[in-house]
Protein backbone atom coordinates (compact mmCIF):
# COMPACT_ATOMS: atom_id res chain seq x y z
CA MET A 1 -5.67 -39.81 -9.39
CA LYS A 2 -5.59 -36.51 -7.51
CA LYS A 3 -8.86 -34.69 -6.97
CA LYS A 4 -8.94 -31.33 -8.77
CA ILE A 5 -9.23 -28.26 -6.56
CA ASP A 6 -11.80 -25.71 -7.67
CA VAL A 7 -10.16 -22.32 -7.03
CA LYS A 8 -13.62 -20.68 -6.87
CA LYS A 9 -14.44 -22.75 -3.78
CA ILE A 10 -11.38 -21.68 -1.79
CA LYS A 11 -12.33 -19.46 1.13
CA GLU A 12 -9.79 -20.83 3.58
CA LEU A 13 -6.34 -22.37 3.29
CA TYR A 14 -4.00 -23.90 5.84
CA ILE A 15 -0.27 -24.22 6.24
CA ALA A 16 0.85 -27.27 8.19
CA THR A 17 3.68 -29.80 8.18
CA ASP A 18 1.39 -32.55 6.85
CA THR A 19 -2.16 -33.13 5.70
CA PHE A 20 -4.73 -33.42 8.48
CA SER A 21 -8.41 -33.62 9.29
CA VAL A 22 -10.34 -32.01 12.10
CA PHE A 23 -10.58 -35.44 13.68
CA ASP A 24 -6.90 -36.36 13.32
CA ASP A 25 -4.12 -33.81 13.52
CA SER A 26 -1.67 -36.20 15.20
CA LYS A 27 0.78 -36.13 12.24
CA LEU A 28 1.41 -32.40 12.58
CA ARG A 29 4.69 -31.05 13.91
CA ASP A 30 5.24 -27.58 15.37
CA LEU A 31 5.68 -24.74 12.92
CA ASN A 32 8.65 -22.44 13.44
CA TYR A 33 7.26 -19.24 14.98
CA LYS A 34 10.49 -17.27 14.32
CA LYS A 35 10.34 -18.16 10.62
CA TRP A 36 6.67 -17.11 10.52
CA VAL A 37 7.48 -13.66 11.96
CA GLU A 38 10.48 -13.37 9.62
CA PHE A 39 8.35 -14.12 6.53
CA VAL A 40 5.59 -11.69 7.48
CA GLU A 41 8.07 -8.92 8.23
CA LYS A 42 10.01 -9.59 5.03
CA ASN A 43 6.71 -9.09 3.16
CA SER A 44 5.52 -6.08 5.15
CA THR A 45 4.24 -4.32 2.03
CA TYR A 46 1.70 -7.15 1.74
CA PHE A 47 1.03 -8.00 5.41
CA THR A 48 0.04 -5.82 8.36
CA TRP A 49 0.31 -7.15 11.91
CA TYR A 50 -3.10 -7.17 13.58
CA SER A 51 -1.71 -5.03 16.41
CA GLU A 52 -1.05 -2.26 13.86
CA THR A 53 -4.60 -2.22 12.47
CA GLU A 54 -7.39 0.01 13.79
CA ALA A 55 -9.16 -3.04 15.23
CA GLY A 56 -5.93 -4.17 16.90
CA LYS A 57 -5.33 -0.75 18.43
CA LYS A 58 -8.89 -0.67 19.81
CA LEU A 59 -8.41 -4.15 21.24
CA ALA A 60 -5.16 -3.06 22.92
CA GLU A 61 -7.03 -0.23 24.62
CA SER A 62 -9.95 -2.41 25.73
CA ILE A 63 -7.65 -5.12 27.17
CA LYS A 64 -6.66 -2.72 29.92
CA THR A 65 -10.20 -2.89 31.34
CA MET A 66 -10.72 -6.66 30.92
CA PRO A 67 -10.59 -9.12 33.79
CA LEU A 68 -7.12 -10.72 33.99
CA GLU A 69 -8.36 -14.24 33.08
CA LYS A 70 -9.75 -13.00 29.72
CA ARG A 71 -6.68 -11.01 28.72
CA LYS A 72 -4.45 -13.93 27.66
CA THR A 73 -6.72 -14.92 24.77
CA TYR A 74 -6.73 -11.43 23.33
CA LEU A 75 -3.08 -10.67 24.06
CA ASP A 76 -2.04 -13.44 21.65
CA LEU A 77 -3.75 -11.52 18.84
CA LEU A 78 -1.59 -8.51 19.63
CA GLU A 79 1.60 -10.55 19.78
CA LYS A 80 2.68 -11.56 16.30
CA TYR A 81 0.20 -14.42 15.89
CA ARG A 82 -2.17 -12.71 13.46
CA CYS A 83 -1.71 -10.52 10.42
CA GLU A 84 -3.99 -9.06 7.81
CA ALA A 85 -3.67 -8.28 4.11
CA GLU A 86 -5.46 -6.23 1.49
CA TYR A 87 -7.35 -3.42 3.15
CA ASP A 88 -10.72 -2.58 1.55
CA LEU A 89 -11.41 1.14 1.85
CA LYS A 90 -15.16 0.75 1.22
CA LYS A 91 -15.67 -2.03 3.77
CA LYS A 92 -13.09 -0.49 6.12
CA HIS A 93 -11.45 -3.79 6.99
CA TYR A 94 -8.94 -6.31 5.65
CA LEU A 95 -10.03 -9.01 3.20
CA ILE A 96 -7.42 -11.60 4.19
CA ASN A 97 -6.80 -12.82 7.74
CA VAL A 98 -3.78 -15.02 8.54
CA THR A 99 -3.45 -16.59 12.00
CA PHE A 100 -0.62 -18.69 13.46
CA TYR A 101 -2.14 -21.28 15.82
CA GLU A 102 0.76 -22.57 17.88
CA GLU A 103 -1.31 -25.11 19.84
CA LEU A 104 -3.09 -26.45 16.72
CA LYS A 105 0.20 -26.57 14.77
CA TYR A 106 -1.13 -24.84 11.69
CA ILE A 107 -1.71 -21.45 10.09
CA SER A 108 -5.18 -20.52 8.91
CA ILE A 109 -5.70 -18.16 5.96
CA SER A 110 -9.23 -16.78 5.42
CA PHE A 111 -10.40 -14.84 2.37
CA GLU A 112 -13.37 -12.48 2.02
CA ARG A 113 -12.93 -12.33 -1.74
CA LYS A 114 -12.01 -14.61 -4.63
CA VAL A 115 -8.61 -16.25 -4.32
CA THR A 116 -6.13 -15.42 -7.08
CA ILE A 117 -3.07 -17.20 -8.39
CA ASN A 118 -0.97 -14.45 -6.73
CA ASP A 119 -2.54 -15.34 -3.36
CA LEU A 120 -1.76 -19.01 -3.86
CA GLU A 121 1.83 -18.22 -4.83
CA MET A 122 2.33 -15.97 -1.77
CA TYR A 123 1.05 -18.61 0.65
CA TYR A 124 2.88 -21.39 -1.14
CA GLU A 125 6.09 -19.38 -0.58
CA MET A 126 5.15 -18.92 3.09
CA ALA A 127 4.62 -22.67 3.43
CA LYS A 128 7.98 -23.42 1.79
CA HIS A 129 9.69 -20.91 4.11
CA LEU A 130 8.20 -22.79 7.08
CA ASP A 131 9.16 -26.24 5.71
CA ALA A 132 5.45 -26.99 5.49
CA GLN A 133 2.67 -27.47 2.95
CA LEU A 134 -0.10 -25.25 1.63
CA LEU A 135 -3.39 -27.10 2.08
CA PHE A 136 -7.00 -26.77 0.99
CA LYS A 137 -9.44 -28.30 3.49
CA GLY A 138 -6.45 -29.65 5.41
CA LYS A 139 -6.02 -32.60 3.07
CA ASN A 140 -5.48 -31.29 -0.48
CA VAL A 141 -1.89 -30.18 -1.09
CA ILE A 142 -1.34 -27.11 -3.26
CA ASP A 143 2.12 -27.56 -4.75
CA LYS A 144 4.01 -26.25 -7.80
CA ASN A 145 2.08 -28.59 -10.17
CA VAL A 146 -1.26 -27.40 -8.85
CA LEU A 147 -0.14 -23.77 -9.17
CA GLU A 148 0.91 -24.32 -12.78
CA ASN A 149 -2.53 -25.78 -13.57
CA PHE A 150 -4.21 -22.76 -11.94
CA GLU A 151 -2.04 -20.45 -14.03
CA GLN A 152 -3.20 -22.18 -17.22
CA LEU A 153 -6.85 -21.87 -16.12
CA ASP A 154 -6.32 -18.23 -15.16
CA SER A 155 -4.95 -17.17 -18.56
């Protein structure tokens, strides 16, 4: 029997080609970077590339003064490897951070607020677009059946 996922406990989700644990990610295949960029850009009313945020623009300026060996790490953030969603005017930052980790072969999605069924549906669609799975804790798959159960709980 599948373990039930408590939506209230979700603070981070992953998109990967298979389930994984921190100790064993050997089953994972590369995610398609072009498809990732395509999905984010197709949903540009929802997502904002990190490079287009205030924080991203400040980082771009500060990179110019960094030692060369430190620049690579930060340059990846300004290339299309990270995007943000849902800007909070009071807190003056985004509440959702989505990062494509090429070397780890997964996408990490972090939330600073409660996850909604709409969030789950958006990231489920992203996972489908990437021929991958939406995962909670790397090992619990969030599929159509799980989404339907969340919808019933949400109503």
